[in-house]
Protein backbone atom coordinates (compact mmCIF):
# COMPACT_ATOMS: atom_id res chain seq x y z
CA UNK A 1 187.34 15.33 75.98
CA UNK A 2 187.09 18.40 77.95
CA UNK A 3 189.20 21.15 76.36
CA UNK A 4 190.56 23.72 79.17
CA UNK A 5 192.18 26.94 79.33
CA UNK A 6 194.24 27.89 82.42
CA UNK A 7 194.58 31.81 83.42
CA UNK A 8 196.70 32.71 86.15
CA UNK A 9 199.50 35.12 86.56
CA UNK A 10 201.41 32.96 89.01
CA UNK A 11 203.47 30.14 87.19
CA UNK A 12 203.74 27.80 90.34
CA UNK A 13 199.97 27.73 90.70
CA UNK A 14 199.77 26.90 87.01
CA UNK A 15 202.11 24.28 87.17
CA UNK A 16 200.21 22.58 90.10
CA UNK A 17 196.92 22.80 88.24
CA UNK A 18 198.32 21.99 85.06
CA UNK A 19 199.68 18.59 86.76
CA UNK A 20 196.18 17.91 88.25
CA UNK A 21 194.70 18.20 84.85
CA UNK A 22 196.96 16.10 82.91
CA UNK A 23 196.28 13.48 85.30
CA UNK A 24 192.80 13.05 83.92
CA UNK A 25 192.35 10.99 80.68
CA UNK A 26 189.16 13.06 79.77
CA UNK A 27 190.72 16.62 80.20
CA UNK A 28 193.33 18.30 77.93
CA UNK A 29 195.24 21.67 78.62
CA UNK A 30 194.88 23.59 75.61
CA UNK A 31 196.31 26.91 76.52
CA UNK A 32 197.70 28.77 79.46
CA UNK A 33 197.73 32.58 80.11
CA UNK A 34 199.06 34.83 82.58
CA UNK A 35 196.56 37.82 82.32
CA UNK A 36 193.21 38.46 81.32
CA UNK A 37 193.96 39.79 77.92
CA UNK A 38 196.28 36.73 77.08
CA UNK A 39 193.37 34.67 78.26
CA UNK A 40 190.83 36.28 75.79
CA UNK A 41 193.17 35.90 72.72
CA UNK A 42 193.90 32.08 73.70
CA UNK A 43 190.32 31.22 74.09
CA UNK A 44 189.68 32.99 70.55
CA UNK A 45 192.55 30.84 69.16
CA UNK A 46 191.87 27.63 70.85
CA UNK A 47 187.88 27.63 71.66
CA UNK A 48 188.27 25.71 74.94
CA UNK A 49 185.11 24.23 77.10
CA UNK A 50 186.14 25.51 80.11
CA UNK A 51 188.43 28.34 81.47
CA UNK A 52 189.86 28.47 84.99
CA UNK A 53 190.34 32.15 85.56
CA UNK A 54 192.26 33.43 88.41
CA UNK A 55 190.63 37.04 89.53
CA UNK A 56 193.50 39.15 90.28
CA UNK A 57 195.94 39.52 87.17
CA UNK A 58 197.91 42.30 85.80
CA UNK A 59 197.00 44.21 82.51
CA UNK A 60 193.34 42.87 82.63
CA UNK A 61 191.91 41.25 85.69
CA UNK A 62 189.74 38.04 85.50
CA UNK A 63 186.49 39.98 86.18
CA UNK A 64 186.61 41.93 83.20
CA UNK A 65 188.28 39.00 81.24
CA UNK A 66 185.01 36.75 81.86
CA UNK A 67 182.79 39.53 81.11
CA UNK A 68 184.29 39.98 77.51
CA UNK A 69 184.68 36.23 77.13
CA UNK A 70 180.95 35.59 78.29
CA UNK A 71 179.87 38.47 75.66
CA UNK A 72 182.20 36.94 72.83
CA UNK A 73 181.95 33.09 73.35
CA UNK A 74 179.04 32.46 75.41
CA UNK A 75 179.15 28.72 75.15
CA UNK A 76 182.62 28.85 77.22
CA UNK A 77 182.46 27.85 80.97
CA UNK A 78 184.37 30.09 83.30
CA UNK A 79 185.57 28.95 86.71
CA UNK A 80 186.69 31.64 89.00
CA UNK A 81 189.78 31.28 91.08
CA UNK A 82 190.69 33.48 94.09
CA UNK A 83 192.78 33.78 97.24
CA UNK A 84 189.97 35.87 99.09
CA UNK A 85 186.44 34.73 100.10
CA UNK A 86 184.96 38.24 99.39
CA UNK A 87 181.20 38.35 98.24
CA UNK A 88 182.19 41.46 95.88
CA UNK A 89 184.71 39.34 93.79
CA UNK A 90 182.11 36.46 94.06
CA UNK A 91 179.19 38.64 92.97
CA UNK A 92 181.22 40.17 90.09
CA UNK A 93 182.31 36.78 88.80
CA UNK A 94 178.90 35.30 88.80
CA UNK A 95 177.13 38.27 87.22
CA UNK A 96 180.14 38.43 84.67
CA UNK A 97 179.03 34.86 83.62
CA UNK A 98 181.29 32.45 85.64
CA UNK A 99 179.51 29.33 86.22
CA UNK A 100 182.00 28.16 89.08
CA UNK A 101 184.14 29.89 92.02
CA UNK A 102 187.08 28.14 93.78
CA UNK A 103 188.93 29.58 96.47
CA UNK A 104 192.65 28.64 95.78
CA UNK A 105 193.28 26.81 99.18
CA UNK A 106 190.69 24.31 97.92
CA UNK A 107 191.42 24.41 94.04
CA UNK A 108 193.70 21.45 94.18
CA UNK A 109 191.23 19.20 95.92
CA UNK A 110 188.05 20.24 94.03
CA UNK A 111 189.39 21.53 90.41
CA UNK A 112 188.62 18.41 88.43
CA UNK A 113 184.99 17.96 90.04
CA UNK A 114 184.33 21.70 89.43
CA UNK A 115 185.44 21.44 85.67
CA UNK A 116 183.23 18.18 85.17
CA UNK A 117 180.35 20.06 86.92
CA UNK A 118 180.50 23.33 84.90
CA UNK A 119 180.96 21.42 81.48
CA UNK A 120 177.58 19.82 82.10
CA UNK A 121 175.99 23.23 82.59
CA UNK A 122 175.77 22.91 86.37
CA UNK A 123 176.79 25.75 88.84
CA UNK A 124 179.84 24.85 91.23
CA UNK A 125 180.80 26.94 94.29
CA UNK A 126 183.32 25.59 96.88
CA UNK A 127 182.08 25.17 100.48
CA UNK A 128 183.34 28.24 101.90
CA UNK A 129 181.75 30.63 99.04
CA UNK A 130 178.42 28.49 99.40
CA UNK A 131 178.59 29.18 103.20
CA UNK A 132 179.34 32.86 102.72
CA UNK A 133 176.36 33.30 100.30
CA UNK A 134 173.98 31.29 102.53
CA UNK A 135 174.73 33.20 105.66
CA UNK A 136 174.09 36.54 103.87
CA UNK A 137 170.83 35.09 102.68
CA UNK A 138 169.72 33.88 105.87
CA UNK A 139 170.59 36.99 107.78
CA UNK A 140 169.23 39.45 104.99
CA UNK A 141 172.45 40.96 104.20
CA UNK A 142 172.29 42.84 100.95
CA UNK A 143 174.67 42.60 98.09
CA UNK A 144 176.98 45.49 97.16
CA UNK A 145 174.68 48.18 95.45
CA UNK A 146 177.56 49.85 93.33
CA UNK A 147 180.72 48.90 91.93
CA UNK A 148 183.08 49.63 89.18
CA UNK A 149 181.36 47.08 87.06
CA UNK A 150 178.18 49.22 87.28
CA UNK A 151 179.63 52.87 87.14
CA UNK A 152 182.29 52.38 84.21
CA UNK A 153 182.26 51.22 80.70
CA UNK A 154 184.69 48.42 79.58
CA UNK A 155 187.47 50.69 78.31
CA UNK A 156 187.17 52.81 81.51
CA UNK A 157 187.49 49.72 83.61
CA UNK A 158 190.78 48.66 81.48
CA UNK A 159 192.07 52.34 81.98
CA UNK A 160 191.34 52.45 85.72
CA UNK A 161 193.10 48.97 86.08
CA UNK A 162 196.40 50.18 84.38
CA UNK A 163 196.28 53.59 86.26
CA UNK A 164 196.10 51.67 89.39
CA UNK A 165 199.03 49.48 88.26
CA UNK A 166 201.04 52.39 87.73
CA UNK A 167 201.06 52.82 84.02
CA UNK A 168 201.69 56.53 82.63
CA UNK A 169 199.63 58.28 80.05
CA UNK A 170 201.96 57.49 76.96
CA UNK A 171 202.48 53.70 77.97
CA UNK A 172 198.69 53.22 78.51
CA UNK A 173 197.96 54.63 75.17
CA UNK A 174 200.49 52.31 73.48
CA UNK A 175 199.04 49.36 75.30
CA UNK A 176 195.20 50.11 74.70
CA UNK A 177 196.17 51.60 71.01
CA UNK A 178 194.29 54.86 71.93
CA UNK A 179 195.64 58.34 71.93
CA UNK A 180 197.02 60.32 74.95
CA UNK A 181 194.28 62.64 74.64
CA UNK A 182 191.78 59.62 74.85
CA UNK A 183 193.58 58.35 78.09
CA UNK A 184 193.39 61.92 79.78
CA UNK A 185 189.62 61.88 78.77
CA UNK A 186 188.97 58.42 80.16
CA UNK A 187 190.73 59.40 83.24
CA UNK A 188 188.86 62.53 83.95
CA UNK A 189 185.60 61.04 83.20
CA UNK A 190 186.33 57.85 85.60
CA UNK A 191 187.22 60.27 88.33
CA UNK A 192 184.11 62.42 87.65
CA UNK A 193 181.76 58.79 87.71
CA UNK A 194 183.56 57.78 91.06
CA UNK A 195 183.68 61.04 92.85
CA UNK A 196 187.71 60.29 93.18
CA UNK A 197 190.24 63.06 92.75
CA UNK A 198 193.80 61.30 92.87
CA UNK A 199 195.49 58.41 91.33
CA UNK A 200 196.15 57.21 94.91
CA UNK A 201 192.31 57.27 95.68
CA UNK A 202 191.81 55.66 91.99
CA UNK A 203 194.14 52.61 93.19
CA UNK A 204 192.52 51.95 96.44
CA UNK A 205 189.13 51.97 94.65
CA UNK A 206 190.40 49.38 92.18
CA UNK A 207 192.08 47.14 94.62
CA UNK A 208 188.78 47.00 96.76
CA UNK A 209 186.52 46.39 93.67
CA UNK A 210 188.95 43.54 92.52
CA UNK A 211 189.92 45.31 89.41
CA UNK A 212 193.85 44.98 90.38
CA UNK A 213 195.90 43.28 93.08
CA UNK A 214 197.03 45.16 96.34
CA UNK A 215 200.55 43.84 95.81
CA UNK A 216 202.17 43.38 92.52
CA UNK A 217 202.70 39.44 91.42
CA UNK A 218 206.27 38.10 91.92
């Protein structure tokens, strides 16, 4: 029996994917999460074999959640879900430890096949992602050289996402259980490392790097 954790901030997406999983005799959905922080907690509590992880989620995005899961539970296989065929997101998820990548447009057709593949230790990429990576390889297009993943620490990436989502200093301090002074220190260091000078610039950067969604989830 393959034990599965489903993480996506859109309830309707979770409902559809849950229905697919529940039809399979050898698969069992053990937990659901609506953001990356919930996914990490649920993975610790239920110890699934496979986590299906949306990339763009509030509070903690799927890229950072995957990195943290890979560090704490390296046996857990992660399949990334995204609406965007973007090599930055693909590279960030695979470098973070994901073993599969599905675009949401094909997830309903390929999810169970992807789950079986990664559970056996294989890499599974949907066709469009494979074609994108092959195109870049054939034409010698280099991968992105720098990103928030490389430039910032784990805590700084968490602070950056929450700042980009509109959290103020006091709220951010409460959510991360740190002092307001520490939040300000992180904010100044993030700006220094990225060469950015305003919250608006930080927000644009966070969206571009996949740390947060350009639009709030419904």
